[in-house]
Amino acid sequence: MNPAENEPLPRPGLAEIRIVAATPEAARTVAEVIRRCFAGTEQRSYPAPGGGTRLHLTVDTETAAGPARSWLATSRPATGSGPHAEEP
C-alpha cells in the first residue's frame, strides 16, 4: 500500500508537493522554482532513504507568488541600498 493513500487531502486550493533528491541543494533549487509560481508555506525537510533529502511544501494554487522578476532585475542591487549623495 502506498503511504500517500492514508494521508488526508489538503484543503481545496492547496497542493502538497514532495521533492526527493540526492542532495539538499537540489531539493531546495526545485522548491525555489515552484515558490516563484505559487504562494506557499515553509518547506519541511526530512532525510530520504539511501541518504538523500525529502522536502515537503504546501502551495496555494489559487494565489500567485507575485510578479516574477527577470534575472537582470534580481542581479542588480536594491535601490537606495548604497550611501546617500551627501555621505562621505
C-alpha atoms as a PDB file:
ATOM      1  CA  MET A   1       0.000   0.000   0.000  1.00  0.00           C
ATOM      2  CA  ASN A   2       1.208   3.495  -0.871  1.00  0.00           C
ATOM      3  CA  PRO A   3       1.716   5.665   2.279  1.00  0.00           C
ATOM      4  CA  ALA A   4       0.100   8.632   0.493  1.00  0.00           C
ATOM      5  CA  GLU A   5      -3.181   6.701   0.265  1.00  0.00           C
ATOM      6  CA  ASN A   6      -3.744   7.144   4.006  1.00  0.00           C
ATOM      7  CA  GLU A   7      -2.944  10.869   4.124  1.00  0.00           C
ATOM      8  CA  PRO A   8      -5.832  13.330   4.205  1.00  0.00           C
ATOM      9  CA  LEU A   9      -6.285  15.540   1.165  1.00  0.00           C
ATOM     10  CA  PRO A  10      -5.267  19.190   1.510  1.00  0.00           C
ATOM     11  CA  ARG A  11      -7.967  21.851   1.587  1.00  0.00           C
ATOM     12  CA  PRO A  12      -9.333  22.936  -1.813  1.00  0.00           C
ATOM     13  CA  GLY A  13      -6.906  25.338  -3.460  1.00  0.00           C
ATOM     14  CA  LEU A  14      -3.838  23.848  -1.758  1.00  0.00           C
ATOM     15  CA  ALA A  15      -1.421  21.239  -3.073  1.00  0.00           C
ATOM     16  CA  GLU A  16       1.117  19.188  -1.150  1.00  0.00           C
ATOM     17  CA  ILE A  17       4.398  18.751  -3.020  1.00  0.00           C
ATOM     18  CA  ARG A  18       7.060  16.192  -2.154  1.00  0.00           C
ATOM     19  CA  ILE A  19      10.534  16.529  -3.663  1.00  0.00           C
ATOM     20  CA  VAL A  20      13.084  13.737  -3.308  1.00  0.00           C
ATOM     21  CA  ALA A  21      16.664  14.477  -4.362  1.00  0.00           C
ATOM     22  CA  ALA A  22      20.167  13.162  -3.780  1.00  0.00           C
ATOM     23  CA  THR A  23      21.253  16.449  -2.151  1.00  0.00           C
ATOM     24  CA  PRO A  24      19.535  19.169  -0.088  1.00  0.00           C
ATOM     25  CA  GLU A  25      20.719  21.782  -2.607  1.00  0.00           C
ATOM     26  CA  ALA A  26      18.945  20.040  -5.493  1.00  0.00           C
ATOM     27  CA  ALA A  27      15.704  19.787  -3.496  1.00  0.00           C
ATOM     28  CA  ARG A  28      15.888  23.472  -2.489  1.00  0.00           C
ATOM     29  CA  THR A  29      16.507  24.529  -6.093  1.00  0.00           C
ATOM     30  CA  VAL A  30      13.354  22.769  -7.272  1.00  0.00           C
ATOM     31  CA  ALA A  31      11.347  24.194  -4.353  1.00  0.00           C
ATOM     32  CA  GLU A  32      12.544  27.712  -5.197  1.00  0.00           C
ATOM     33  CA  VAL A  33      11.260  27.395  -8.763  1.00  0.00           C
ATOM     34  CA  ILE A  34       7.870  26.216  -7.502  1.00  0.00           C
ATOM     35  CA  ARG A  35       7.686  29.102  -4.995  1.00  0.00           C
ATOM     36  CA  ARG A  36       8.200  31.577  -7.844  1.00  0.00           C
ATOM     37  CA  CYS A  37       4.873  30.409  -9.294  1.00  0.00           C
ATOM     38  CA  PHE A  38       2.747  29.781  -6.214  1.00  0.00           C
ATOM     39  CA  ALA A  39       2.391  31.273  -2.766  1.00  0.00           C
ATOM     40  CA  GLY A  40       3.293  28.683  -0.180  1.00  0.00           C
ATOM     41  CA  THR A  41       4.260  27.701   3.310  1.00  0.00           C
ATOM     42  CA  GLU A  42       7.680  26.994   4.740  1.00  0.00           C
ATOM     43  CA  GLN A  43       9.265  23.853   3.439  1.00  0.00           C
ATOM     44  CA  ARG A  44       9.897  20.868   5.683  1.00  0.00           C
ATOM     45  CA  SER A  45      12.960  18.719   5.106  1.00  0.00           C
ATOM     46  CA  TYR A  46      13.485  15.079   6.072  1.00  0.00           C
ATOM     47  CA  PRO A  47      16.170  12.504   5.345  1.00  0.00           C
ATOM     48  CA  ALA A  48      15.275  10.198   2.457  1.00  0.00           C
ATOM     49  CA  PRO A  49      16.115   6.514   2.257  1.00  0.00           C
ATOM     50  CA  GLY A  50      19.586   5.981   0.843  1.00  0.00           C
ATOM     51  CA  GLY A  51      20.992   9.268   2.161  1.00  0.00           C
ATOM     52  CA  GLY A  52      19.027  11.717   0.041  1.00  0.00           C
ATOM     53  CA  THR A  53      16.721  14.553   1.045  1.00  0.00           C
ATOM     54  CA  ARG A  54      12.947  14.611   1.043  1.00  0.00           C
ATOM     55  CA  LEU A  55      11.412  18.090   1.038  1.00  0.00           C
ATOM     56  CA  HIS A  56       7.707  18.810   1.595  1.00  0.00           C
ATOM     57  CA  LEU A  57       5.936  22.073   0.918  1.00  0.00           C
ATOM     58  CA  THR A  58       2.350  23.234   0.624  1.00  0.00           C
ATOM     59  CA  VAL A  59       1.409  25.676  -2.125  1.00  0.00           C
ATOM     60  CA  ASP A  60      -1.692  27.775  -2.641  1.00  0.00           C
ATOM     61  CA  THR A  61      -2.766  27.087  -6.218  1.00  0.00           C
ATOM     62  CA  GLU A  62      -5.247  29.962  -6.142  1.00  0.00           C
ATOM     63  CA  THR A  63      -2.707  32.649  -5.228  1.00  0.00           C
ATOM     64  CA  ALA A  64       0.216  33.604  -7.426  1.00  0.00           C
ATOM     65  CA  ALA A  65       3.552  34.168  -5.738  1.00  0.00           C
ATOM     66  CA  GLY A  66       3.769  37.651  -7.173  1.00  0.00           C
ATOM     67  CA  PRO A  67       5.268  39.110 -10.297  1.00  0.00           C
ATOM     68  CA  ALA A  68       8.320  37.243 -11.463  1.00  0.00           C
ATOM     69  CA  ARG A  69      11.434  39.341 -11.832  1.00  0.00           C
ATOM     70  CA  SER A  70      13.978  38.786 -14.556  1.00  0.00           C
ATOM     71  CA  TRP A  71      17.483  37.560 -13.735  1.00  0.00           C
ATOM     72  CA  LEU A  72      18.744  41.052 -14.656  1.00  0.00           C
ATOM     73  CA  ALA A  73      16.433  42.751 -12.158  1.00  0.00           C
ATOM     74  CA  THR A  74      17.341  40.314  -9.388  1.00  0.00           C
ATOM     75  CA  SER A  75      21.070  40.717 -10.017  1.00  0.00           C
ATOM     76  CA  ARG A  76      21.009  44.490  -9.523  1.00  0.00           C
ATOM     77  CA  PRO A  77      21.448  45.936  -6.033  1.00  0.00           C
ATOM     78  CA  ALA A  78      18.288  47.275  -4.407  1.00  0.00           C
ATOM     79  CA  THR A  79      17.588  50.969  -4.997  1.00  0.00           C
ATOM     80  CA  GLY A  80      18.537  53.077  -2.025  1.00  0.00           C
ATOM     81  CA  SER A  81      20.800  50.461  -0.504  1.00  0.00           C
ATOM     82  CA  GLY A  82      24.012  52.404  -1.116  1.00  0.00           C
ATOM     83  CA  PRO A  83      25.278  55.577   0.562  1.00  0.00           C
ATOM     84  CA  HIS A  84      23.400  58.827   0.072  1.00  0.00           C
ATOM     85  CA  ALA A  85      24.994  61.526  -2.072  1.00  0.00           C
ATOM     86  CA  GLU A  86      25.766  63.664   0.996  1.00  0.00           C
ATOM     87  CA  GLU A  87      27.552  60.807   2.808  1.00  0.00           C
ATOM     88  CA  PRO A  88      31.353  60.595   2.519  1.00  0.00           C
END
